[in-house]
C-alpha atoms as a PDB file:
ATOM      1  CA  MET A   1       0.043  -0.023  -0.038  1.00  0.00           C
ATOM      2  CA  PRO A   2       1.497   3.422  -0.861  1.00  0.00           C
ATOM      3  CA  ILE A   3       2.557   5.727   1.906  1.00  0.00           C
ATOM      4  CA  ALA A   4       0.543   8.982   2.233  1.00  0.00           C
ATOM      5  CA  HIS A   5       2.373  11.834   0.677  1.00  0.00           C
ATOM      6  CA  ARG A   6       2.351  15.057   2.753  1.00  0.00           C
ATOM      7  CA  LEU A   7       4.004  18.201   1.347  1.00  0.00           C
ATOM      8  CA  THR A   8       2.964  21.619   2.747  1.00  0.00           C
ATOM      9  CA  PRO A   9       1.762  23.856  -0.103  1.00  0.00           C
ATOM     10  CA  SER A  10       3.671  27.222  -0.601  1.00  0.00           C
ATOM     11  CA  ASN A  11       0.592  29.238   0.500  1.00  0.00           C
ATOM     12  CA  LYS A  12       0.655  27.620   4.034  1.00  0.00           C
ATOM     13  CA  LEU A  13       4.353  28.098   4.760  1.00  0.00           C
ATOM     14  CA  ALA A  14       3.870  31.469   6.470  1.00  0.00           C
ATOM     15  CA  THR A  15       2.002  29.584   9.254  1.00  0.00           C
ATOM     16  CA  THR A  16       4.047  26.387   9.208  1.00  0.00           C
ATOM     17  CA  PRO A  17       7.524  26.036  10.803  1.00  0.00           C
ATOM     18  CA  HIS A  18       9.956  24.811   8.181  1.00  0.00           C
ATOM     19  CA  VAL A  19      13.698  24.652   7.299  1.00  0.00           C
ATOM     20  CA  ARG A  20      15.519  25.245   4.065  1.00  0.00           C
ATOM     21  CA  ILE A  21      18.986  24.222   2.978  1.00  0.00           C
ATOM     22  CA  TYR A  22      20.514  25.871  -0.115  1.00  0.00           C
ATOM     23  CA  HIS A  23      23.055  23.428  -1.525  1.00  0.00           C
ATOM     24  CA  HIS A  24      24.736  22.922  -4.898  1.00  0.00           C
ATOM     25  CA  GLY A  25      22.186  24.897  -6.983  1.00  0.00           C
ATOM     26  CA  HIS A  26      19.053  23.463  -5.274  1.00  0.00           C
ATOM     27  CA  THR A  27      16.709  24.482  -2.460  1.00  0.00           C
ATOM     28  CA  PHE A  28      15.554  21.804  -0.074  1.00  0.00           C
ATOM     29  CA  ARG A  29      12.567  22.505   2.090  1.00  0.00           C
ATOM     30  CA  LEU A  30      11.030  20.386   4.856  1.00  0.00           C
ATOM     31  CA  ALA A  31       7.999  21.665   6.866  1.00  0.00           C
ATOM     32  CA  LYS A  32       6.718  20.363  10.114  1.00  0.00           C
ATOM     33  CA  GLY A  33       4.388  17.481   9.396  1.00  0.00           C
ATOM     34  CA  ASP A  34       5.656  16.816   5.973  1.00  0.00           C
ATOM     35  CA  THR A  35       6.706  13.219   4.877  1.00  0.00           C
ATOM     36  CA  HIS A  36       8.820  14.470   1.957  1.00  0.00           C
ATOM     37  CA  ILE A  37      11.484  17.073   1.327  1.00  0.00           C
ATOM     38  CA  ALA A  38      10.583  19.437  -1.525  1.00  0.00           C
ATOM     39  CA  VAL A  39      13.478  20.026  -3.981  1.00  0.00           C
ATOM     40  CA  PHE A  40      13.567  23.224  -6.126  1.00  0.00           C
ATOM     41  CA  HIS A  41      16.139  24.196  -8.792  1.00  0.00           C
ATOM     42  CA  GLY A  42      18.010  27.288  -7.795  1.00  0.00           C
ATOM     43  CA  THR A  43      17.452  29.556  -4.746  1.00  0.00           C
ATOM     44  CA  VAL A  44      13.851  29.614  -3.968  1.00  0.00           C
ATOM     45  CA  ILE A  45      12.031  31.519  -1.225  1.00  0.00           C
ATOM     46  CA  GLU A  46       8.312  30.847  -1.340  1.00  0.00           C
ATOM     47  CA  GLN A  47       7.092  32.910   1.595  1.00  0.00           C
ATOM     48  CA  HIS A  48       8.409  35.490   4.055  1.00  0.00           C
ATOM     49  CA  ARG A  49      11.657  34.699   5.873  1.00  0.00           C
ATOM     50  CA  HIS A  50      11.347  35.236   9.651  1.00  0.00           C
ATOM     51  CA  LEU A  51      14.116  33.359  11.488  1.00  0.00           C
ATOM     52  CA  ILE A  52      17.447  32.793   9.872  1.00  0.00           C
ATOM     53  CA  ILE A  53      19.900  30.750  11.828  1.00  0.00           C
ATOM     54  CA  ARG A  54      22.611  30.638   9.114  1.00  0.00           C
ATOM     55  CA  ASP A  55      22.300  31.956   5.715  1.00  0.00           C
ATOM     56  CA  HIS A  56      24.771  31.731   2.883  1.00  0.00           C
ATOM     57  CA  LEU A  57      22.827  32.317  -0.270  1.00  0.00           C
ATOM     58  CA  PRO A  58      24.628  31.717  -3.524  1.00  0.00           C
ATOM     59  CA  SER A  59      25.053  34.621  -5.996  1.00  0.00           C
ATOM     60  CA  GLY A  60      22.515  34.700  -8.763  1.00  0.00           C
ATOM     61  CA  PRO A  61      18.727  35.139  -9.042  1.00  0.00           C
ATOM     62  CA  ILE A  62      16.453  34.345  -6.136  1.00  0.00           C
ATOM     63  CA  VAL A  63      13.023  33.056  -7.058  1.00  0.00           C
ATOM     64  CA  GLU A  64      10.231  34.306  -4.790  1.00  0.00           C
ATOM     65  CA  GLY A  65       6.628  33.182  -4.549  1.00  0.00           C
ATOM     66  CA  PRO A  66       4.881  29.833  -4.860  1.00  0.00           C
ATOM     67  CA  GLN A  67       6.863  27.262  -6.817  1.00  0.00           C
ATOM     68  CA  ILE A  68       6.378  23.626  -7.797  1.00  0.00           C
ATOM     69  CA  PRO A  69       9.090  21.257  -6.687  1.00  0.00           C
ATOM     70  CA  ILE A  70      11.228  19.488  -9.312  1.00  0.00           C
ATOM     71  CA  THR A  71      11.126  16.305  -7.130  1.00  0.00           C
ATOM     72  CA  VAL A  72      10.582  15.235  -3.644  1.00  0.00           C
ATOM     73  CA  ILE A  73      12.722  13.045  -1.290  1.00  0.00           C
ATOM     74  CA  ARG A  74      10.993  10.885   1.163  1.00  0.00           C
ATOM     75  CA  THR A  75      12.154  11.291   4.820  1.00  0.00           C
ATOM     76  CA  SER A  76      12.485   8.320   7.138  1.00  0.00           C
ATOM     77  CA  PRO A  77       9.482   7.656   9.446  1.00  0.00           C
ATOM     78  CA  GLY A  78       9.790   9.645  12.584  1.00  0.00           C
ATOM     79  CA  HIS A  79      12.221  12.170  11.167  1.00  0.00           C
ATOM     80  CA  HIS A  80      11.972  15.501  13.056  1.00  0.00           C
ATOM     81  CA  TRP A  81      11.476  18.418  10.643  1.00  0.00           C
ATOM     82  CA  ALA A  82      14.103  20.556  12.520  1.00  0.00           C
ATOM     83  CA  ASP A  83      16.844  17.942  12.616  1.00  0.00           C
ATOM     84  CA  ILE A  84      19.237  19.837  10.323  1.00  0.00           C
ATOM     85  CA  ALA A  85      22.087  17.260  10.541  1.00  0.00           C
ATOM     86  CA  SER A  86      19.802  14.386   9.441  1.00  0.00           C
ATOM     87  CA  LEU A  87      18.259  16.533   6.732  1.00  0.00           C
ATOM     88  CA  TYR A  88      21.606  17.441   5.416  1.00  0.00           C
ATOM     89  CA  SER A  89      22.594  13.707   5.406  1.00  0.00           C
ATOM     90  CA  ILE A  90      19.513  12.818   3.412  1.00  0.00           C
ATOM     91  CA  ILE A  91      20.389  15.632   0.897  1.00  0.00           C
ATOM     92  CA  LYS A  92      23.908  14.374   0.478  1.00  0.00           C
ATOM     93  CA  GLN A  93      22.657  10.779  -0.166  1.00  0.00           C
ATOM     94  CA  TRP A  94      20.218  12.164  -2.746  1.00  0.00           C
ATOM     95  CA  GLU A  95      22.972  14.113  -4.442  1.00  0.00           C
ATOM     96  CA  ALA A  96      25.381  11.081  -4.425  1.00  0.00           C
ATOM     97  CA  VAL A  97      22.730   8.933  -6.205  1.00  0.00           C
ATOM     98  CA  ARG A  98      21.863  11.745  -8.638  1.00  0.00           C
ATOM     99  CA  SER A  99      25.457  12.403  -9.554  1.00  0.00           C
ATOM    100  CA  ALA A 100      26.088   8.682 -10.192  1.00  0.00           C
ATOM    101  CA  ILE A 101      23.386   8.665 -12.795  1.00  0.00           C
END
């Protein structure tokens, strides 16, 4: 049986805690309650930015407003949305598989 796919839409991000990682030309976004990480090409900011812990945006254009992910990455069951180290590890695994293709 397929696993339910939960991905917070762009228009709900202003009221949903979430994290973003900008890495190697992609934006990775995981919101509280999501089962998948949204992946966008380039630097994407869908809603207002309120709390920035560390921000190193690449040079180049920044896309603002609602966007459609180019793909999604499933998180492991029980993954906490704010676990940055684990999220970064998932991203690195995705990039390794992608670069091997």
